[in-house]
């Protein structure tokens, strides 16, 4: 069963409202990558590396983000056409050299967390994401055809 607004699958409810902590991988606190990893596991049983190295006091520095992209380039495929995005895709942004990532848990709803607000979801066209979302990626296990999150 999903909520009426944006059809958010209930399976992700346990990830909403968790505090933000840098390099946290759950289950009680998350940073943005930890939350993405938890969401991919809950929704699609896809495990991704923890990646807790490369952090400084403010987050993931861009050089480490580039290294991550190089390491993961065979696992993630860029989605060049925004009209083709779907649940399970990762949305990335960079602000002042810091990487941020969220997970689409419904066609236009992004699950993410950040300092000061904790975890939650926002529409992809919200003020936060509208101008910041730079690239969208799809895990290789979700390539080819749409795969709904498990119930």
Protein backbone atom coordinates (compact mmCIF):
# COMPACT_ATOMS: atom_id res chain seq x y z
CA UNK A 1 0.00 0.00 0.00
CA UNK A 2 1.29 3.47 -0.80
CA UNK A 3 0.35 6.91 0.43
CA UNK A 4 -1.88 8.87 -1.93
CA UNK A 5 0.56 11.74 -2.47
CA UNK A 6 3.37 10.66 -4.83
CA UNK A 7 2.58 6.98 -4.18
CA UNK A 8 5.35 6.50 -1.63
CA UNK A 9 5.65 2.75 -0.90
CA UNK A 10 5.14 2.06 2.81
CA UNK A 11 8.24 -0.15 2.91
CA UNK A 12 10.33 3.04 3.12
CA UNK A 13 8.48 4.39 6.17
CA UNK A 14 11.06 2.96 8.57
CA UNK A 15 13.71 5.22 6.97
CA UNK A 16 11.76 8.46 7.45
CA UNK A 17 12.60 10.69 10.42
CA UNK A 18 16.04 9.26 11.17
CA UNK A 19 18.69 11.72 12.39
CA UNK A 20 21.58 12.72 10.14
CA UNK A 21 25.11 11.80 11.19
CA UNK A 22 28.10 12.00 8.88
CA UNK A 23 29.34 8.54 7.76
CA UNK A 24 26.44 6.79 9.58
CA UNK A 25 25.12 3.62 7.99
CA UNK A 26 22.04 3.00 10.15
CA UNK A 27 19.84 1.70 11.46
CA UNK A 28 19.33 4.62 13.86
CA UNK A 29 21.24 7.38 12.00
CA UNK A 30 22.22 7.89 8.38
CA UNK A 31 24.13 10.15 6.08
CA UNK A 32 22.94 10.48 2.49
CA UNK A 33 24.88 7.48 1.11
CA UNK A 34 23.92 5.31 4.07
CA UNK A 35 20.25 6.15 3.51
CA UNK A 36 20.53 5.41 -0.21
CA UNK A 37 22.14 2.05 0.61
CA UNK A 38 19.40 1.21 3.14
CA UNK A 39 16.68 2.20 0.66
CA UNK A 40 18.16 0.12 -2.14
CA UNK A 41 18.37 -2.87 0.17
CA UNK A 42 14.83 -2.47 1.53
CA UNK A 43 13.21 -1.77 -1.82
CA UNK A 44 15.16 -3.96 -4.21
CA UNK A 45 17.59 -6.09 -2.14
CA UNK A 46 20.56 -4.38 -3.81
CA UNK A 47 23.67 -4.12 -1.64
CA UNK A 48 26.14 -1.31 -2.32
CA UNK A 49 29.54 -0.64 -0.70
CA UNK A 50 29.57 1.36 2.55
CA UNK A 51 32.09 4.01 1.43
CA UNK A 52 32.84 5.63 4.78
CA UNK A 53 36.37 6.71 3.86
CA UNK A 54 36.92 10.03 2.12
CA UNK A 55 34.90 12.13 4.53
CA UNK A 56 36.05 15.33 6.15
CA UNK A 57 34.19 17.42 8.73
CA UNK A 58 31.73 18.71 6.11
CA UNK A 59 31.04 15.60 4.07
CA UNK A 60 32.41 13.83 1.04
CA UNK A 61 34.98 15.91 -0.74
CA UNK A 62 34.61 16.12 -4.49
CA UNK A 63 37.88 14.28 -5.23
CA UNK A 64 36.57 11.28 -3.31
CA UNK A 65 33.23 11.58 -5.05
CA UNK A 66 35.01 11.37 -8.40
CA UNK A 67 36.94 8.33 -7.17
CA UNK A 68 33.66 6.73 -6.12
CA UNK A 69 32.17 7.35 -9.56
CA UNK A 70 35.24 5.76 -11.21
CA UNK A 71 34.98 2.72 -8.93
CA UNK A 72 31.25 2.33 -9.50
CA UNK A 73 31.11 3.17 -13.22
CA UNK A 74 30.42 -0.45 -14.16
CA UNK A 75 27.63 -0.78 -11.61
CA UNK A 76 25.73 2.48 -12.20
CA UNK A 77 24.52 3.84 -15.54
CA UNK A 78 23.70 7.49 -16.10
CA UNK A 79 20.08 8.21 -17.00
CA UNK A 80 20.47 10.99 -19.58
CA UNK A 81 16.78 11.65 -20.16
CA UNK A 82 14.88 12.89 -17.10
CA UNK A 83 11.64 11.65 -18.60
CA UNK A 84 13.03 8.10 -18.13
CA UNK A 85 13.68 8.32 -14.38
CA UNK A 86 11.99 5.86 -12.04
CA UNK A 87 11.99 4.51 -8.52
CA UNK A 88 15.38 3.08 -7.56
CA UNK A 89 17.40 5.73 -9.40
CA UNK A 90 20.03 7.76 -7.52
CA UNK A 91 19.91 11.55 -7.82
CA UNK A 92 23.19 13.39 -7.24
CA UNK A 93 24.08 16.98 -6.58
CA UNK A 94 27.22 18.82 -5.69
CA UNK A 95 27.31 21.97 -3.59
CA UNK A 96 30.56 23.77 -2.84
CA UNK A 97 32.51 20.62 -3.71
CA UNK A 98 30.41 18.31 -1.52
CA UNK A 99 28.54 15.35 -2.98
CA UNK A 100 24.93 14.70 -1.99
CA UNK A 101 22.78 11.80 -3.13
CA UNK A 102 19.15 10.84 -2.79
CA UNK A 103 17.11 7.82 -3.86
CA UNK A 104 13.97 8.01 -5.96
CA UNK A 105 11.44 5.92 -4.04
CA UNK A 106 8.56 6.86 -6.32
CA UNK A 107 8.70 8.36 -9.82
CA UNK A 108 9.29 11.93 -8.57
CA UNK A 109 9.92 11.53 -4.82
CA UNK A 110 13.48 11.63 -3.46
CA UNK A 111 14.42 10.00 -0.14
CA UNK A 112 17.40 11.78 1.38
CA UNK A 113 18.89 13.15 4.56
CA UNK A 114 20.96 16.16 5.42
CA UNK A 115 22.34 17.89 8.46
CA UNK A 116 19.69 19.77 10.39
CA UNK A 117 16.67 18.01 8.93
CA UNK A 118 17.19 14.26 9.18
CA UNK A 119 15.72 11.82 6.69
CA UNK A 120 12.59 12.33 4.69
CA UNK A 121 11.38 12.63 1.14
CA UNK A 122 10.84 15.62 -1.09
CA UNK A 123 9.43 15.99 -4.59
CA UNK A 124 12.12 16.04 -7.26
CA UNK A 125 10.77 19.41 -8.36
CA UNK A 126 10.99 20.90 -4.82
CA UNK A 127 13.06 24.00 -4.18
CA UNK A 128 15.88 21.84 -2.76
CA UNK A 129 16.19 19.49 -5.77
CA UNK A 130 14.87 21.52 -8.71
CA UNK A 131 18.08 23.39 -9.47
CA UNK A 132 20.57 21.19 -7.61
CA UNK A 133 19.89 17.76 -9.13
CA UNK A 134 22.77 17.29 -11.54
CA UNK A 135 22.84 13.68 -12.58
CA UNK A 136 20.66 10.64 -12.21
CA UNK A 137 22.06 7.12 -12.16
CA UNK A 138 20.51 3.65 -12.28
CA UNK A 139 22.02 0.55 -10.70
CA UNK A 140 22.75 -2.20 -13.21
CA UNK A 141 20.31 -4.54 -11.47
CA UNK A 142 17.50 -2.08 -12.22
CA UNK A 143 18.48 -1.51 -15.85
CA UNK A 144 16.34 -2.65 -18.73
CA UNK A 145 12.86 -2.50 -17.28
CA UNK A 146 11.07 -0.88 -14.38
CA UNK A 147 11.29 -2.86 -11.17
CA UNK A 148 8.82 -1.86 -8.47
CA UNK A 149 10.04 -1.87 -4.87
CA UNK A 150 9.13 -5.04 -3.07
CA UNK A 151 6.08 -4.82 -0.84
